[in-house]
Amino acid sequence: MSDPNAQKAFPVSWDQFHRDARALAWRLAEAGPFDAIVCITRGGLVPAAIVARELGTRIIETVCIASYHDYKTQGGLQVLKTIAPEVVKSRDGKGILVVDDLVDTGSTAKVVRDMLPKAHFATVYAKPLGRPLVDTFITEVSQDTWIYFPWDLGLSFQPPIAKSEQG
């Protein structure tokens, strides 16, 4: 997501995100059970908490990867914290649920897939480039859509989609 100013805006409220994360949990209930959840921080923290509550999962781990360095452009990936070995009982990730808020280009997902190739990968939102790396998701948005998550927003006026012809 290189230039959010040239993209479609998709603001997500707390209520909508909670509904979408619960819908994700409903879909995941059929795919489990899972021994643990690994959330990709920071975006995966909120949906992982909701999914963990809904599925009754108590073991929650993080993998910390930095990719958006200025909230506008995706830069080089940097693994800041790996997954604790005691959480991953098998080297391939079988029985592990990986949760993130969004799969965009798939760069972050590829890094985590390399760590846990047999884990079940779930996101709330998916874009076409990253979609093949996700096993379960709720909403697909176009690649040129910038999702504004509720934890990134304050209450403010949202301009209409159609641009005004008036000057």
C-alpha atoms as a PDB file:
ATOM      1  CA  MET A   1       0.000   0.000   0.000  1.00  0.00           C
ATOM      2  CA  SER A   2       2.324   2.653  -1.209  1.00  0.00           C
ATOM      3  CA  ASP A   3       0.329   5.890  -1.390  1.00  0.00           C
ATOM      4  CA  PRO A   4      -2.860   6.007   0.691  1.00  0.00           C
ATOM      5  CA  ASN A   5      -3.727   9.425  -0.756  1.00  0.00           C
ATOM      6  CA  ALA A   6      -4.193   7.855  -4.201  1.00  0.00           C
ATOM      7  CA  GLN A   7      -6.220   4.932  -2.905  1.00  0.00           C
ATOM      8  CA  LYS A   8      -9.731   4.108  -1.817  1.00  0.00           C
ATOM      9  CA  ALA A   9     -10.389   4.680   1.868  1.00  0.00           C
ATOM     10  CA  PHE A  10     -12.052   1.955   3.929  1.00  0.00           C
ATOM     11  CA  PRO A  11     -12.499   3.195   7.512  1.00  0.00           C
ATOM     12  CA  VAL A  12     -13.433   0.443   9.968  1.00  0.00           C
ATOM     13  CA  SER A  13     -15.163   1.257  13.258  1.00  0.00           C
ATOM     14  CA  TRP A  14     -14.568  -0.648  16.500  1.00  0.00           C
ATOM     15  CA  ASP A  15     -18.056  -2.165  16.212  1.00  0.00           C
ATOM     16  CA  GLN A  16     -17.487  -3.314  12.646  1.00  0.00           C
ATOM     17  CA  PHE A  17     -14.062  -4.732  13.447  1.00  0.00           C
ATOM     18  CA  HIS A  18     -15.447  -6.639  16.424  1.00  0.00           C
ATOM     19  CA  ARG A  19     -18.248  -8.092  14.270  1.00  0.00           C
ATOM     20  CA  ASP A  20     -15.759  -9.079  11.566  1.00  0.00           C
ATOM     21  CA  ALA A  21     -13.345 -10.670  14.058  1.00  0.00           C
ATOM     22  CA  ARG A  22     -16.208 -12.660  15.620  1.00  0.00           C
ATOM     23  CA  ALA A  23     -17.269 -13.772  12.143  1.00  0.00           C
ATOM     24  CA  LEU A  24     -13.684 -14.944  11.625  1.00  0.00           C
ATOM     25  CA  ALA A  25     -13.915 -16.929  14.867  1.00  0.00           C
ATOM     26  CA  TRP A  26     -17.123 -18.595  13.634  1.00  0.00           C
ATOM     27  CA  ARG A  27     -15.336 -19.756  10.494  1.00  0.00           C
ATOM     28  CA  LEU A  28     -12.293 -20.889  12.452  1.00  0.00           C
ATOM     29  CA  ALA A  29     -14.353 -22.948  14.902  1.00  0.00           C
ATOM     30  CA  GLU A  30     -14.864 -25.496  12.126  1.00  0.00           C
ATOM     31  CA  ALA A  31     -11.149 -25.514  11.186  1.00  0.00           C
ATOM     32  CA  GLY A  32      -9.866 -26.167  14.729  1.00  0.00           C
ATOM     33  CA  PRO A  33      -9.193 -27.055  17.385  1.00  0.00           C
ATOM     34  CA  PHE A  34      -5.952 -25.138  17.707  1.00  0.00           C
ATOM     35  CA  ASP A  35      -3.282 -25.694  20.358  1.00  0.00           C
ATOM     36  CA  ALA A  36      -2.240 -22.032  20.306  1.00  0.00           C
ATOM     37  CA  ILE A  37      -2.676 -18.747  18.498  1.00  0.00           C
ATOM     38  CA  VAL A  38       0.279 -16.840  17.097  1.00  0.00           C
ATOM     39  CA  CYS A  39      -0.656 -13.271  16.303  1.00  0.00           C
ATOM     40  CA  ILE A  40       1.371 -11.053  14.021  1.00  0.00           C
ATOM     41  CA  THR A  41       1.969  -7.781  15.810  1.00  0.00           C
ATOM     42  CA  ARG A  42       0.804  -5.245  16.028  1.00  0.00           C
ATOM     43  CA  GLY A  43      -2.254  -5.540  13.798  1.00  0.00           C
ATOM     44  CA  GLY A  44      -3.007  -9.109  14.808  1.00  0.00           C
ATOM     45  CA  LEU A  45      -3.261  -8.374  18.531  1.00  0.00           C
ATOM     46  CA  VAL A  46      -6.875  -7.207  18.570  1.00  0.00           C
ATOM     47  CA  PRO A  47      -8.360  -9.890  16.303  1.00  0.00           C
ATOM     48  CA  ALA A  48      -6.304 -12.579  18.085  1.00  0.00           C
ATOM     49  CA  ALA A  49      -7.781 -11.523  21.441  1.00  0.00           C
ATOM     50  CA  ILE A  50     -11.309 -11.710  20.046  1.00  0.00           C
ATOM     51  CA  VAL A  51     -10.718 -15.049  18.303  1.00  0.00           C
ATOM     52  CA  ALA A  52      -9.010 -16.507  21.400  1.00  0.00           C
ATOM     53  CA  ARG A  53     -11.993 -15.545  23.545  1.00  0.00           C
ATOM     54  CA  GLU A  54     -14.500 -17.000  21.118  1.00  0.00           C
ATOM     55  CA  LEU A  55     -12.588 -20.257  20.608  1.00  0.00           C
ATOM     56  CA  GLY A  56     -11.546 -20.643  24.256  1.00  0.00           C
ATOM     57  CA  THR A  57      -7.857 -20.628  23.373  1.00  0.00           C
ATOM     58  CA  ARG A  58      -5.565 -19.688  26.262  1.00  0.00           C
ATOM     59  CA  ILE A  59      -2.109 -19.903  24.691  1.00  0.00           C
ATOM     60  CA  ILE A  60      -1.427 -16.768  22.686  1.00  0.00           C
ATOM     61  CA  GLU A  61       2.018 -15.937  21.322  1.00  0.00           C
ATOM     62  CA  THR A  62       3.297 -13.128  19.154  1.00  0.00           C
ATOM     63  CA  VAL A  63       5.628 -12.880  16.229  1.00  0.00           C
ATOM     64  CA  CYS A  64       6.732  -9.285  15.806  1.00  0.00           C
ATOM     65  CA  ILE A  65       7.397  -8.109  12.275  1.00  0.00           C
ATOM     66  CA  ALA A  66       7.794  -4.512  11.170  1.00  0.00           C
ATOM     67  CA  SER A  67       6.757  -3.731   7.621  1.00  0.00           C
ATOM     68  CA  TYR A  68       4.937  -0.388   7.647  1.00  0.00           C
ATOM     69  CA  HIS A  69       7.461   2.115   8.840  1.00  0.00           C
ATOM     70  CA  ASP A  70       5.529   5.356   8.415  1.00  0.00           C
ATOM     71  CA  TYR A  71       1.873   4.161   8.228  1.00  0.00           C
ATOM     72  CA  LYS A  72       1.881   4.966   4.520  1.00  0.00           C
ATOM     73  CA  THR A  73       4.421   2.812   2.771  1.00  0.00           C
ATOM     74  CA  GLN A  74       5.480  -0.761   3.228  1.00  0.00           C
ATOM     75  CA  GLY A  75       9.226  -1.027   3.665  1.00  0.00           C
ATOM     76  CA  GLY A  76      11.638  -3.863   4.200  1.00  0.00           C
ATOM     77  CA  LEU A  77      10.498  -6.550   6.597  1.00  0.00           C
ATOM     78  CA  GLN A  78      12.244  -6.903   9.913  1.00  0.00           C
ATOM     79  CA  VAL A  79      11.555  -9.743  12.346  1.00  0.00           C
ATOM     80  CA  LEU A  80      11.732  -8.082  15.760  1.00  0.00           C
ATOM     81  CA  LYS A  81      10.693 -11.143  17.818  1.00  0.00           C
ATOM     82  CA  THR A  82      10.366 -14.770  16.790  1.00  0.00           C
ATOM     83  CA  ILE A  83       7.901 -17.355  18.061  1.00  0.00           C
ATOM     84  CA  ALA A  84       8.734 -18.969  21.410  1.00  0.00           C
ATOM     85  CA  PRO A  85       9.809 -22.581  20.790  1.00  0.00           C
ATOM     86  CA  GLU A  86       7.662 -23.932  23.642  1.00  0.00           C
ATOM     87  CA  VAL A  87       4.539 -22.724  21.819  1.00  0.00           C
ATOM     88  CA  VAL A  88       5.393 -24.534  18.619  1.00  0.00           C
ATOM     89  CA  LYS A  89       5.509 -28.183  19.606  1.00  0.00           C
ATOM     90  CA  SER A  90       6.222 -29.342  16.070  1.00  0.00           C
ATOM     91  CA  ARG A  91       8.612 -27.563  13.733  1.00  0.00           C
ATOM     92  CA  ASP A  92       6.026 -27.217  10.984  1.00  0.00           C
ATOM     93  CA  GLY A  93       3.292 -25.376  12.942  1.00  0.00           C
ATOM     94  CA  LYS A  94       0.570 -28.011  12.753  1.00  0.00           C
ATOM     95  CA  GLY A  95      -2.172 -27.160  15.265  1.00  0.00           C
ATOM     96  CA  ILE A  96      -1.203 -23.474  15.365  1.00  0.00           C
ATOM     97  CA  LEU A  97      -3.529 -20.669  14.292  1.00  0.00           C
ATOM     98  CA  VAL A  98      -1.818 -17.549  12.928  1.00  0.00           C
ATOM     99  CA  VAL A  99      -3.942 -14.385  13.133  1.00  0.00           C
ATOM    100  CA  ASP A 100      -3.435 -10.972  11.572  1.00  0.00           C
ATOM    101  CA  ASP A 101      -5.710  -8.055  10.808  1.00  0.00           C
ATOM    102  CA  LEU A 102      -4.878  -7.893   7.101  1.00  0.00           C
ATOM    103  CA  VAL A 103      -2.917  -9.634   4.397  1.00  0.00           C
ATOM    104  CA  ASP A 104      -1.848  -7.030   1.850  1.00  0.00           C
ATOM    105  CA  THR A 105       0.980  -7.931  -0.517  1.00  0.00           C
ATOM    106  CA  GLY A 106       1.665 -11.178   1.308  1.00  0.00           C
ATOM    107  CA  SER A 107       5.222 -10.248   2.294  1.00  0.00           C
ATOM    108  CA  THR A 108       4.651 -10.608   6.027  1.00  0.00           C
ATOM    109  CA  ALA A 109       2.531 -13.712   5.537  1.00  0.00           C
ATOM    110  CA  LYS A 110       5.346 -15.354   3.541  1.00  0.00           C
ATOM    111  CA  VAL A 111       7.800 -14.791   6.390  1.00  0.00           C
ATOM    112  CA  VAL A 112       5.424 -16.371   8.906  1.00  0.00           C
ATOM    113  CA  ARG A 113       4.519 -19.200   6.505  1.00  0.00           C
ATOM    114  CA  ASP A 114       8.218 -20.024   6.286  1.00  0.00           C
ATOM    115  CA  MET A 115       8.313 -20.242  10.096  1.00  0.00           C
ATOM    116  CA  LEU A 116       5.099 -22.295  10.392  1.00  0.00           C
ATOM    117  CA  PRO A 117       4.324 -23.903   7.014  1.00  0.00           C
ATOM    118  CA  LYS A 118       1.464 -26.119   8.290  1.00  0.00           C
ATOM    119  CA  ALA A 119      -0.193 -23.519  10.517  1.00  0.00           C
ATOM    120  CA  HIS A 120      -3.689 -22.294   9.695  1.00  0.00           C
ATOM    121  CA  PHE A 121      -3.389 -18.645   8.604  1.00  0.00           C
ATOM    122  CA  ALA A 122      -6.383 -16.346   9.196  1.00  0.00           C
ATOM    123  CA  THR A 123      -6.940 -12.644   8.646  1.00  0.00           C
ATOM    124  CA  VAL A 124      -9.943 -10.405   9.001  1.00  0.00           C
ATOM    125  CA  TYR A 125      -9.290  -8.634   5.691  1.00  0.00           C
ATOM    126  CA  ALA A 126      -7.467  -9.814   2.565  1.00  0.00           C
ATOM    127  CA  LYS A 127      -6.218  -8.140  -0.596  1.00  0.00           C
ATOM    128  CA  PRO A 128      -5.742 -10.013  -3.885  1.00  0.00           C
ATOM    129  CA  LEU A 129      -1.922 -10.182  -3.788  1.00  0.00           C
ATOM    130  CA  GLY A 130      -1.862 -11.714  -0.313  1.00  0.00           C
ATOM    131  CA  ARG A 131      -5.060 -13.745  -0.556  1.00  0.00           C
ATOM    132  CA  PRO A 132      -3.369 -17.008  -1.723  1.00  0.00           C
ATOM    133  CA  LEU A 133      -1.374 -17.139   1.538  1.00  0.00           C
ATOM    134  CA  VAL A 134      -4.461 -17.075   3.786  1.00  0.00           C
ATOM    135  CA  ASP A 135      -6.573 -20.104   4.688  1.00  0.00           C
ATOM    136  CA  THR A 136      -9.489 -18.184   6.217  1.00  0.00           C
ATOM    137  CA  PHE A 137     -10.568 -14.543   5.956  1.00  0.00           C
ATOM    138  CA  ILE A 138     -13.766 -12.504   6.184  1.00  0.00           C
ATOM    139  CA  THR A 139     -13.656  -9.619   3.702  1.00  0.00           C
ATOM    140  CA  GLU A 140     -11.630  -9.146   0.545  1.00  0.00           C
ATOM    141  CA  VAL A 141     -10.899  -5.578  -0.532  1.00  0.00           C
ATOM    142  CA  SER A 142      -9.224  -4.313  -3.675  1.00  0.00           C
ATOM    143  CA  GLN A 143      -5.454  -3.940  -3.726  1.00  0.00           C
ATOM    144  CA  ASP A 144      -5.767  -0.144  -3.993  1.00  0.00           C
ATOM    145  CA  THR A 145      -7.861   0.143  -0.811  1.00  0.00           C
ATOM    146  CA  TRP A 146      -6.286   1.596   2.313  1.00  0.00           C
ATOM    147  CA  ILE A 147      -7.928   0.194   5.431  1.00  0.00           C
ATOM    148  CA  TYR A 148      -8.097   2.625   8.335  1.00  0.00           C
ATOM    149  CA  PHE A 149      -8.312   0.475  11.463  1.00  0.00           C
ATOM    150  CA  PRO A 150     -10.108   1.826  14.529  1.00  0.00           C
ATOM    151  CA  TRP A 151      -6.927   1.903  16.631  1.00  0.00           C
ATOM    152  CA  ASP A 152      -5.382   4.259  14.079  1.00  0.00           C
ATOM    153  CA  LEU A 153      -8.274   6.724  14.011  1.00  0.00           C
ATOM    154  CA  GLY A 154      -9.881   9.395  16.090  1.00  0.00           C
ATOM    155  CA  LEU A 155     -13.354  10.763  15.555  1.00  0.00           C
ATOM    156  CA  SER A 156     -13.281  13.095  12.586  1.00  0.00           C
ATOM    157  CA  PHE A 157     -15.199  14.086   9.493  1.00  0.00           C
ATOM    158  CA  GLN A 158     -14.968  11.675   6.565  1.00  0.00           C
ATOM    159  CA  PRO A 159     -15.237  13.252   3.108  1.00  0.00           C
ATOM    160  CA  PRO A 160     -17.745  11.667   0.726  1.00  0.00           C
ATOM    161  CA  ILE A 161     -16.553   9.147  -1.854  1.00  0.00           C
ATOM    162  CA  ALA A 162     -17.641  11.300  -4.782  1.00  0.00           C
ATOM    163  CA  LYS A 163     -15.426  14.335  -5.209  1.00  0.00           C
ATOM    164  CA  SER A 164     -17.208  17.637  -5.329  1.00  0.00           C
ATOM    165  CA  GLU A 165     -17.234  19.409  -8.699  1.00  0.00           C
ATOM    166  CA  GLN A 166     -17.604  22.699  -6.856  1.00  0.00           C
ATOM    167  CA  GLY A 167     -14.497  24.695  -6.283  1.00  0.00           C
END
